[in-house]
Protein backbone atom coordinates (compact mmCIF):
# COMPACT_ATOMS: atom_id res chain seq x y z
CA MET A 1 10.11 -65.89 -40.10
CA ALA A 2 10.34 -69.11 -42.26
CA ALA A 3 13.64 -69.85 -43.63
CA CYS A 4 13.45 -69.86 -47.29
CA SER A 5 15.11 -72.68 -49.04
CA SER A 6 17.40 -70.99 -51.72
CA GLY A 7 17.62 -72.87 -55.02
CA ILE A 8 19.54 -72.33 -58.49
CA LEU A 9 18.96 -68.67 -58.73
CA LYS A 10 20.75 -66.14 -56.20
CA SER A 11 20.32 -61.98 -56.19
CA SER A 12 23.65 -62.16 -57.83
CA ASP A 13 22.75 -64.48 -60.93
CA ARG A 14 23.75 -62.68 -63.98
CA GLU A 15 21.58 -62.55 -67.28
CA ASP A 16 23.44 -62.63 -70.89
CA SER A 17 22.05 -60.37 -73.77
CA GLU A 18 19.66 -62.98 -74.82
CA GLY A 19 17.90 -63.55 -71.47
CA GLU A 20 19.63 -66.49 -70.19
CA ILE A 21 20.74 -66.99 -66.85
CA ASN A 22 24.34 -67.90 -66.32
CA LEU A 23 24.42 -70.96 -64.17
CA MET A 24 28.05 -70.24 -62.70
CA ASP A 25 26.48 -69.80 -59.55
CA LYS A 26 24.66 -72.11 -59.51
CA MET A 27 23.47 -73.74 -55.93
CA GLU A 28 22.62 -76.85 -54.70
CA SER A 29 19.24 -77.54 -54.51
CA SER A 30 17.60 -78.17 -51.30
CA SER A 31 14.42 -79.47 -52.84
CA LYS A 32 15.24 -82.95 -52.88
CA GLY A 33 15.52 -83.57 -49.23
CA ASP A 34 13.83 -81.85 -45.92
CA PHE A 35 12.62 -78.74 -46.34
CA VAL A 36 11.84 -76.33 -43.38
CA GLY A 37 10.85 -73.10 -45.59
CA ASN A 38 9.74 -71.75 -48.77
CA VAL A 39 11.48 -72.19 -52.11
CA SER A 40 13.08 -68.76 -53.06
CA HIS A 41 13.53 -67.88 -56.80
CA TYR A 42 14.27 -71.95 -57.69
CA ILE A 43 14.28 -73.34 -60.69
CA PRO A 44 13.48 -76.76 -60.63
CA LEU A 45 15.55 -79.10 -63.67
CA PRO A 46 16.58 -82.79 -64.38
CA ASP A 47 19.47 -83.94 -62.66
CA CYS A 48 21.31 -84.10 -65.85
CA TYR A 49 20.93 -80.91 -67.29
CA LYS A 50 23.68 -78.82 -67.54
CA GLY A 51 22.58 -76.18 -70.44
CA PRO A 52 21.29 -72.58 -69.72
CA ILE A 53 17.98 -71.64 -68.47
CA ASN A 54 15.39 -70.88 -70.90
CA LYS A 55 12.25 -69.13 -71.29
CA GLY A 56 9.97 -71.70 -70.38
CA HIS A 57 11.95 -73.33 -67.18
CA LEU A 58 9.49 -72.01 -64.66
CA LEU A 59 11.10 -70.36 -61.67
CA PHE A 60 9.00 -70.93 -58.13
CA ASP A 61 9.28 -68.48 -55.52
CA ALA A 62 7.33 -68.19 -51.91
CA CYS A 63 9.32 -66.06 -49.90
CA PHE A 64 7.32 -63.41 -49.15
CA GLU A 65 4.86 -62.74 -47.02
CA GLY A 66 2.32 -64.99 -46.48
CA GLY A 67 3.82 -67.03 -48.96
CA ASN A 68 4.07 -71.41 -48.81
CA LEU A 69 5.76 -73.78 -51.03
CA GLY A 70 8.52 -76.11 -49.13
CA ARG A 71 9.55 -78.08 -52.36
CA VAL A 72 9.24 -78.46 -55.83
CA ASP A 73 10.53 -81.46 -58.09
CA TYR A 74 10.60 -81.91 -61.27
CA VAL A 75 8.62 -84.86 -62.96
CA SER A 76 8.99 -83.82 -66.55
CA HIS A 77 9.24 -80.37 -68.72
CA PHE A 78 5.23 -80.85 -68.67
CA GLU A 79 4.67 -81.89 -64.85
CA TYR A 80 5.94 -80.46 -61.47
CA ASP A 81 5.35 -81.90 -58.01
CA LEU A 82 4.63 -79.21 -55.39
CA PHE A 83 4.85 -80.10 -51.64
CA VAL A 84 3.17 -77.50 -49.02
CA ARG A 85 5.40 -76.50 -46.37
CA PRO A 86 4.61 -77.19 -42.86
CA ASP A 87 3.58 -75.07 -40.52
CA THR A 88 6.67 -73.29 -38.71
CA CYS A 89 7.35 -76.00 -35.68
CA ASN A 90 4.79 -78.05 -36.52
CA PRO A 91 4.78 -81.02 -39.19
CA ARG A 92 1.47 -81.95 -38.92
CA PHE A 93 -0.32 -79.26 -40.91
CA ARG A 94 -0.36 -78.71 -44.80
CA VAL A 95 -2.91 -77.50 -46.72
CA TRP A 96 -2.30 -73.62 -47.42
CA PHE A 97 0.11 -73.27 -50.21
CA ASN A 98 0.47 -69.50 -52.08
CA PHE A 99 3.54 -69.27 -55.04
CA THR A 100 4.57 -67.53 -57.43
CA VAL A 101 5.65 -69.15 -61.21
CA SER A 102 7.43 -66.54 -63.67
CA ASN A 103 9.78 -67.32 -66.84
CA THR A 104 6.79 -69.05 -68.44
CA LYS A 105 6.69 -69.74 -72.40
CA ASN A 106 3.89 -68.47 -74.03
CA GLN A 107 1.06 -71.20 -74.64
CA GLN A 108 3.20 -73.61 -72.42
CA ARG A 109 0.85 -75.92 -70.69
CA ILE A 110 2.02 -76.91 -67.10
CA ILE A 111 0.48 -80.09 -64.68
CA PHE A 112 0.99 -79.46 -60.85
CA HIS A 113 0.67 -82.15 -58.50
CA VAL A 114 0.22 -80.79 -54.74
CA VAL A 115 1.23 -84.11 -53.56
CA ASN A 116 1.72 -83.82 -49.50
CA PHE A 117 -1.50 -82.74 -48.23
CA SER A 118 -2.04 -83.22 -44.51
CA LYS A 119 -6.17 -83.98 -44.77
CA THR A 120 -7.58 -86.51 -46.77
CA LYS A 121 -11.08 -84.82 -46.60
CA SER A 122 -11.24 -81.48 -48.92
CA LEU A 123 -13.48 -79.55 -51.20
CA TYR A 124 -11.58 -80.16 -54.30
CA ARG A 125 -13.89 -83.44 -53.77
CA GLU A 126 -16.79 -81.12 -54.33
CA GLY A 127 -15.32 -78.98 -57.56
CA MET A 128 -13.24 -76.52 -55.61
CA SER A 129 -10.38 -75.23 -57.57
CA PRO A 130 -7.12 -72.99 -56.54
CA LEU A 131 -6.85 -69.52 -57.63
CA VAL A 132 -4.79 -67.53 -59.75
CA LEU A 133 -4.20 -64.11 -60.93
CA SER A 134 -1.07 -62.29 -62.89
CA THR A 135 0.62 -59.67 -63.25
CA SER A 136 -1.85 -58.19 -65.85
CA ARG A 137 -4.32 -59.49 -64.63
CA PRO A 138 -4.56 -58.72 -60.50
CA GLU A 139 -7.49 -60.07 -59.93
CA TRP A 140 -7.94 -63.57 -58.41
CA CYS A 141 -10.38 -66.22 -60.34
CA ARG A 142 -10.61 -69.95 -59.62
CA ILE A 143 -9.12 -72.34 -62.63
CA PRO A 144 -11.93 -73.87 -64.28
CA PRO A 145 -12.89 -77.10 -62.45
CA LYS A 146 -12.34 -79.34 -65.03
CA ASN A 147 -8.59 -78.66 -64.98
CA VAL A 148 -8.35 -80.01 -61.48
CA PHE A 149 -8.56 -83.67 -60.42
CA TYR A 150 -8.27 -85.06 -56.58
CA TYR A 151 -7.58 -88.52 -56.30
CA ARG A 152 -5.27 -91.28 -54.63
CA SER A 153 -1.91 -91.20 -56.28
CA PRO A 154 -0.29 -94.88 -56.40
CA ASP A 155 3.12 -92.82 -57.22
CA HIS A 156 2.89 -90.79 -53.77
CA GLN A 157 2.05 -94.13 -51.47
CA ARG A 158 -1.75 -93.65 -52.30
CA ASN A 159 -1.83 -90.34 -50.76
CA TYR A 160 -4.48 -88.27 -51.95
CA VAL A 161 -3.25 -85.46 -54.73
CA MET A 162 -4.74 -82.71 -56.43
CA SER A 163 -3.48 -81.95 -59.44
CA PHE A 164 -4.38 -79.13 -62.04
CA ALA A 165 -3.53 -78.23 -65.38
CA PHE A 166 -2.52 -75.04 -66.66
CA ALA A 167 -1.77 -72.88 -69.82
CA PHE A 168 0.52 -69.68 -69.56
CA ASP A 169 -0.63 -67.48 -72.06
CA ASN A 170 1.85 -64.33 -71.18
CA GLU A 171 5.57 -65.14 -70.82
CA GLU A 172 6.11 -61.53 -69.63
CA ASP A 173 3.58 -62.00 -66.83
CA THR A 174 4.81 -63.72 -62.77
CA TYR A 175 1.54 -66.00 -61.84
CA GLN A 176 0.29 -66.18 -58.50
CA PHE A 177 -1.93 -69.65 -56.97
CA ALA A 178 -2.94 -69.57 -53.72
CA TYR A 179 -5.46 -72.19 -51.76
CA CYS A 180 -7.83 -69.06 -51.09
CA TYR A 181 -7.84 -65.64 -51.45
CA PRO A 182 -5.03 -64.19 -49.60
CA TYR A 183 -5.59 -61.83 -47.03
CA THR A 184 -2.11 -60.55 -45.26
CA TYR A 185 -1.16 -59.05 -42.04
CA THR A 186 0.39 -56.11 -43.92
CA LYS A 187 -3.94 -56.05 -45.96
CA LEU A 188 -4.86 -55.47 -42.59
CA GLN A 189 -2.99 -53.07 -41.30
CA GLN A 190 -3.29 -50.95 -44.40
CA TYR A 191 -7.24 -50.94 -43.92
CA LEU A 192 -7.20 -50.62 -40.47
CA GLN A 193 -5.27 -47.19 -41.43
CA LYS A 194 -7.80 -46.01 -43.81
CA LEU A 195 -10.38 -46.86 -41.07
CA ASP A 196 -8.18 -44.23 -39.00
CA SER A 197 -8.21 -41.58 -41.22
CA LEU A 198 -11.77 -41.38 -41.83
CA GLY A 199 -11.50 -39.40 -37.95
CA LYS A 200 -14.93 -40.66 -36.75
CA ASP A 201 -15.73 -40.40 -33.24
CA TYR A 202 -17.44 -43.53 -32.69
CA TYR A 203 -14.43 -45.77 -33.77
CA LYS A 204 -11.19 -46.38 -31.67
CA ARG A 205 -8.24 -48.41 -32.15
CA GLU A 206 -6.06 -49.79 -29.49
CA ILE A 207 -2.97 -52.08 -29.74
CA LEU A 208 -4.12 -54.85 -27.13
CA GLY A 209 -0.57 -56.53 -27.41
CA TYR A 210 2.29 -57.93 -29.65
CA SER A 211 2.81 -61.32 -31.22
CA VAL A 212 6.24 -63.39 -30.40
CA GLN A 213 7.67 -61.31 -33.51
CA GLN A 214 5.93 -58.54 -32.27
CA ARG A 215 3.42 -57.53 -34.38
CA ASN A 216 0.43 -55.81 -33.62
CA LEU A 217 -2.63 -57.08 -31.91
CA ASP A 218 -5.13 -54.90 -32.80
CA LEU A 219 -8.17 -54.06 -31.10
CA ILE A 220 -10.63 -52.12 -32.59
CA THR A 221 -14.06 -50.51 -30.85
CA ILE A 222 -17.07 -49.25 -32.85
CA SER A 223 -19.87 -47.42 -30.55
CA SER A 224 -21.62 -44.27 -30.22
CA PRO A 225 -19.37 -42.47 -28.27
CA GLU A 226 -21.86 -42.24 -25.35
CA ASN A 227 -21.63 -45.69 -24.67
CA LEU A 228 -18.28 -45.60 -24.09
CA LYS A 229 -18.31 -42.87 -21.75
CA LEU A 230 -17.03 -43.68 -17.97
CA GLY A 231 -20.29 -45.27 -15.98
CA SER A 232 -22.15 -45.92 -19.15
CA LYS A 233 -23.80 -49.49 -19.28
CA ALA A 234 -23.12 -51.10 -22.80
CA LYS A 235 -24.46 -54.46 -24.18
CA VAL A 236 -20.97 -55.40 -25.68
CA ILE A 237 -20.28 -57.83 -28.79
CA LEU A 238 -16.88 -59.49 -28.71
CA ILE A 239 -15.75 -60.70 -32.68
CA THR A 240 -12.75 -62.48 -33.50
CA GLY A 241 -10.96 -63.84 -36.51
CA ARG A 242 -7.81 -65.40 -37.83
CA ILE A 243 -6.59 -67.48 -35.08
CA HIS A 244 -5.94 -70.30 -37.51
CA PRO A 245 -4.11 -68.17 -40.18
CA GLY A 246 -4.46 -70.08 -43.17
CA GLU A 247 -8.42 -69.48 -43.05
CA SER A 248 -8.14 -65.94 -45.09
CA PRO A 249 -11.90 -65.76 -45.72
CA SER A 250 -12.68 -65.02 -41.74
CA SER A 251 -10.71 -61.82 -42.72
CA TYR A 252 -12.70 -60.76 -45.41
CA VAL A 253 -15.96 -61.45 -43.03
CA CYS A 254 -13.99 -59.32 -40.29
CA GLU A 255 -13.43 -56.26 -43.03
CA GLY A 256 -17.25 -56.77 -44.04
CA ILE A 257 -17.98 -56.52 -40.41
CA MET A 258 -16.16 -53.27 -39.71
CA GLY A 259 -17.03 -51.56 -43.24
CA PHE A 260 -20.74 -51.78 -42.48
CA LEU A 261 -20.39 -50.69 -38.70
CA MET A 262 -18.47 -47.57 -40.06
CA SER A 263 -21.42 -46.61 -42.62
CA ASP A 264 -23.52 -43.99 -42.62
CA THR A 265 -26.74 -45.96 -43.16
CA ARG A 266 -29.23 -46.22 -40.94
CA GLU A 267 -28.81 -49.66 -39.77
CA ALA A 268 -25.20 -48.79 -38.94
CA ARG A 269 -26.14 -46.13 -36.72
CA LEU A 270 -28.80 -47.94 -34.93
CA LEU A 271 -26.11 -50.21 -34.10
CA ARG A 272 -23.79 -47.85 -33.10
CA LYS A 273 -26.41 -46.53 -30.92
CA HIS A 274 -27.40 -49.29 -28.74
CA LEU A 275 -24.44 -51.88 -29.04
CA VAL A 276 -20.46 -51.73 -28.64
CA PHE A 277 -18.47 -53.97 -30.95
CA LYS A 278 -15.09 -54.78 -29.85
CA ILE A 279 -13.51 -56.42 -33.03
CA ILE A 280 -9.96 -58.49 -32.35
CA PRO A 281 -9.31 -59.25 -36.72
CA MET A 282 -6.11 -61.15 -36.25
CA LEU A 283 -5.53 -63.19 -33.33
CA ASN A 284 -2.42 -65.00 -35.42
CA PRO A 285 -0.44 -62.30 -36.87
CA ASP A 286 2.68 -64.14 -36.83
CA GLY A 287 1.02 -67.21 -38.09
CA VAL A 288 -0.86 -65.35 -40.98
CA PHE A 289 2.58 -63.33 -42.24
CA LEU A 290 4.58 -66.71 -42.24
CA GLY A 291 2.16 -68.85 -44.43
CA ASN A 292 0.72 -71.12 -41.93
CA TYR A 293 -2.24 -73.03 -42.21
CA ARG A 294 -3.32 -73.58 -38.46
CA CYS A 295 -0.50 -72.54 -35.89
CA SER A 296 1.42 -69.95 -34.56
CA LEU A 297 5.09 -69.22 -34.91
CA MET A 298 6.13 -71.83 -32.04
CA GLY A 299 3.79 -74.36 -33.61
CA PHE A 300 0.95 -74.24 -31.11
CA ASP A 301 -2.85 -74.43 -32.52
CA LEU A 302 -3.94 -71.41 -30.24
CA ASN A 303 -7.51 -72.48 -30.40
CA ARG A 304 -6.73 -75.57 -28.02
CA HIS A 305 -5.00 -72.87 -25.36
CA TRP A 306 -8.08 -70.99 -24.20
CA HIS A 307 -7.71 -72.43 -20.50
CA ASP A 308 -4.00 -71.53 -20.12
CA PRO A 309 -2.63 -69.74 -22.54
CA SER A 310 1.10 -68.73 -21.69
CA PRO A 311 2.04 -65.07 -22.25
CA TRP A 312 5.51 -66.18 -23.35
CA ALA A 313 4.42 -68.72 -25.89
CA HIS A 314 0.87 -67.43 -27.16
CA PRO A 315 0.98 -63.59 -26.24
CA THR A 316 -2.18 -62.85 -28.18
CA LEU A 317 -4.23 -65.12 -26.83
CA HIS A 318 -3.27 -64.49 -23.26
CA ALA A 319 -3.81 -60.91 -24.00
CA THR A 320 -7.43 -62.04 -25.23
CA LYS A 321 -8.49 -63.81 -22.86
CA GLN A 322 -7.51 -61.19 -19.97
CA LEU A 323 -9.83 -58.91 -22.66
CA VAL A 324 -12.49 -61.36 -22.21
CA MET A 325 -12.30 -61.92 -18.26
CA ARG A 326 -12.28 -57.96 -17.52
CA LEU A 327 -15.50 -57.37 -19.51
CA ASP A 328 -17.22 -60.23 -17.77
CA LYS A 329 -16.57 -58.93 -14.36
CA GLU A 330 -17.04 -55.46 -15.01
CA LYS A 331 -20.88 -54.30 -13.75
CA GLU A 332 -21.35 -51.51 -16.46
CA THR A 333 -20.51 -53.85 -19.38
CA ASP A 334 -23.02 -56.79 -20.50
CA LEU A 335 -21.12 -59.36 -22.47
CA GLU A 336 -23.77 -60.42 -24.56
CA PHE A 337 -21.80 -62.28 -27.59
CA TYR A 338 -18.45 -63.78 -28.49
CA VAL A 339 -18.50 -64.78 -32.17
CA ASP A 340 -14.89 -66.30 -33.28
CA ILE A 341 -14.72 -66.50 -36.98
CA HIS A 342 -13.36 -69.38 -38.97
CA ALA A 343 -13.03 -70.68 -42.50
CA HIS A 344 -13.86 -74.76 -43.20
CA SER A 345 -12.13 -76.86 -45.62
CA THR A 346 -14.41 -79.85 -45.90
CA LEU A 347 -17.90 -78.24 -45.72
CA THR A 348 -20.22 -75.70 -47.97
CA ASN A 349 -21.87 -72.59 -46.64
CA GLY A 350 -21.36 -70.19 -43.83
CA PHE A 351 -22.75 -72.09 -40.61
CA MET A 352 -22.21 -72.14 -36.71
CA TYR A 353 -21.23 -74.04 -33.97
CA GLY A 354 -22.86 -73.29 -30.78
CA ASN A 355 -22.91 -75.21 -27.25
CA VAL A 356 -24.99 -77.50 -25.73
CA TYR A 357 -26.64 -76.98 -22.44
CA ASP A 358 -28.83 -78.93 -19.78
CA GLU A 359 -31.49 -75.71 -19.57
CA GLU A 360 -33.80 -76.06 -21.77
CA LYS A 361 -34.54 -72.29 -21.91
CA ARG A 362 -31.03 -71.55 -21.85
CA PHE A 363 -30.40 -73.49 -25.56
CA GLU A 364 -33.68 -72.60 -27.08
CA SER A 365 -32.19 -68.59 -26.38
CA HIS A 366 -29.15 -69.48 -27.78
CA ALA A 367 -30.48 -70.75 -30.94
CA VAL A 368 -32.05 -67.65 -31.92
CA TYR A 369 -29.25 -65.76 -33.34
CA PRO A 370 -28.37 -68.44 -35.91
CA LYS A 371 -31.49 -69.24 -36.87
CA LEU A 372 -32.35 -65.17 -37.27
CA LEU A 373 -28.93 -65.21 -39.44
CA CYS A 374 -30.05 -67.96 -41.90
CA GLN A 375 -33.21 -65.92 -42.51
CA ARG A 376 -31.13 -62.65 -43.25
CA ALA A 377 -28.00 -64.49 -45.44
CA HIS A 378 -28.62 -66.34 -47.83
CA ASP A 379 -25.57 -68.19 -47.98
CA PHE A 380 -26.07 -69.41 -44.11
CA SER A 381 -27.21 -72.81 -43.87
CA TRP A 382 -29.02 -73.66 -40.33
CA GLY A 383 -29.04 -77.27 -41.45
CA LYS A 384 -25.28 -77.39 -41.19
CA THR A 385 -25.58 -75.62 -37.56
CA SER A 386 -24.54 -76.97 -34.90
CA PHE A 387 -24.42 -77.41 -31.05
CA ASN A 388 -22.13 -79.77 -29.23
CA LYS A 389 -19.89 -80.36 -26.31
CA ASP A 390 -17.09 -82.85 -27.80
CA ALA A 391 -14.07 -83.35 -25.99
CA GLU A 392 -11.60 -82.42 -28.46
CA LYS A 393 -13.03 -79.12 -28.85
CA ALA A 394 -12.59 -78.42 -24.95
CA GLY A 395 -9.80 -75.76 -25.37
CA THR A 396 -11.58 -73.55 -28.09
CA GLY A 397 -13.02 -70.32 -27.20
CA ARG A 398 -16.25 -71.29 -27.79
CA ARG A 399 -16.63 -74.07 -25.81
CA TYR A 400 -14.24 -72.58 -23.11
CA LEU A 401 -16.07 -69.36 -22.97
CA GLY A 402 -19.28 -71.09 -22.86
CA ASP A 403 -18.15 -72.69 -19.94
CA CYS A 404 -16.60 -70.08 -18.09
CA LEU A 405 -18.41 -66.75 -18.50
CA HIS A 406 -21.85 -65.31 -17.18
CA GLU A 407 -24.87 -67.71 -18.61
CA HIS A 408 -26.59 -64.62 -20.75
CA THR A 409 -23.38 -64.73 -22.77
CA ASN A 410 -23.70 -66.66 -26.14
CA CYS A 411 -20.33 -68.01 -27.49
CA TYR A 412 -20.15 -69.06 -31.18
CA THR A 413 -17.75 -70.15 -33.69
CA LEU A 414 -19.02 -69.07 -37.28
CA GLU A 415 -17.70 -70.95 -40.06
CA VAL A 416 -17.53 -70.04 -43.40
CA SER A 417 -16.29 -72.40 -46.28
CA PHE A 418 -13.29 -71.98 -48.41
CA PHE A 419 -15.04 -72.65 -51.51
CA CYS A 420 -18.56 -71.75 -52.11
CA TYR A 421 -22.37 -72.14 -50.81
CA THR A 422 -25.35 -73.57 -52.07
CA ASP A 423 -28.32 -72.02 -53.68
CA LYS A 424 -31.51 -72.27 -51.73
CA GLU A 425 -33.42 -72.47 -54.56
CA THR A 426 -31.90 -74.52 -57.41
CA GLY A 427 -29.31 -76.32 -55.15
CA ASP A 428 -26.37 -74.95 -57.53
CA HIS A 429 -22.69 -74.61 -55.81
CA ILE A 430 -22.29 -70.85 -56.09
CA PRO A 431 -18.37 -70.01 -55.27
CA TYR A 432 -17.62 -67.42 -52.96
CA THR A 433 -15.73 -64.31 -54.23
CA GLN A 434 -13.71 -61.42 -51.82
CA GLU A 435 -16.80 -59.80 -51.90
CA GLY A 436 -19.30 -63.07 -51.02
CA TYR A 437 -17.49 -63.07 -47.92
CA VAL A 438 -17.43 -59.44 -47.18
CA GLU A 439 -21.22 -59.93 -47.40
CA LEU A 440 -21.55 -62.30 -44.68
CA GLY A 441 -19.65 -60.01 -42.38
CA ARG A 442 -22.33 -57.34 -43.13
CA ASN A 443 -24.97 -59.88 -42.48
CA VAL A 444 -23.54 -60.78 -39.26
CA VAL A 445 -23.44 -57.41 -37.74
CA LYS A 446 -27.28 -56.63 -39.85
CA THR A 447 -28.57 -59.74 -37.92
CA PHE A 448 -27.89 -58.13 -34.57
CA ILE A 449 -30.60 -55.80 -35.64
CA ASP A 450 -33.13 -58.77 -36.13
CA TYR A 451 -32.18 -60.20 -32.78
CA TYR A 452 -32.54 -57.12 -30.93
CA GLN A 453 -35.34 -55.72 -32.45
CA LEU A 454 -33.92 -52.34 -33.26
CA LEU A 455 -36.05 -51.72 -36.00
């Protein structure tokens, strides 16, 4: 687990009768120098300050599952510089943040500056804003875009900075801020346990393998029992998600896929009757748990290692590739689709990346599913969908499997925006909600009804 940077507060700190925290146990802050872990119950103060901790001295914490905040610098009583912690063992990626703030004062107004993003292009230019919830209001909502600014800062070597203003209105609350809706490893396990408890004969959960830190690599199979009998001919749809841990919308899309397939609607029954769905909802559970944006525990971008995954360095990818190769070779199995679900940090809408083929008939066939999904899903964009064979994408699941699997297997990357989709009629930007991502997942599987003409 990523280390936590201790600040002024420790578990042994004492409070006096007026709620002020005694500074006798004050520790040297690590937030002024290099940082390798998350801040832990840290209160940044001016260097010259020697008094007690009072209400309004903000307490920052990111030492929880999926948390990310590597450093906090006190600028003034009204401003703080925030530094995203890089992915473990890889300093290149700094995008995802997820932290809490407490010990606030009623009506306290603060400007936060996130100063070290690793990307310059950002949906903040398009009106995206951070998410916030609090103890008394546990539903995520977006900070008003008018309070968010994205710009080159002369105070930070002209790097791009995202600043947002926020007013704390309940001093008893703890506030949580995040780049996008978090979806933790624990949340997935709880959801799968609910599916387990339904006791449906068309649902099967297996542990395909374990991560470096021994977290489950879950494989979910949903289909009519007749399709799973030995010797039965089966058309298989393989779906994976969360190979990049900070791309949390992909987990909501996966939840929408599984939830719809488990339902008792006529469409779901038809899909289970004719198809076998195999879903790996979280390919990088360690990275998700640690609050990384793109990499695994050991600093690998797993979506660049499909060609030769290591059983010890990339165990979840190695196990997944073995499954794919086995499905491709089984005579009774037609692996017809592979869909890898991601989230996009610079584009809006849902869209797909597909492959380019020299044979015209194969390429035309490859374009059918995205076109049908565009007709089915109001937030999916055919205009943003593209087909390519860029050299830099050669190690991705879509490109590698598209080259090595049987020619009838369609391999895609499904992308969905971290922020919004464009309304096809009005042109307005509609921010995604958790339910919006789930609905896209439902439409992904409903589109197979259109593709196979099951109705």
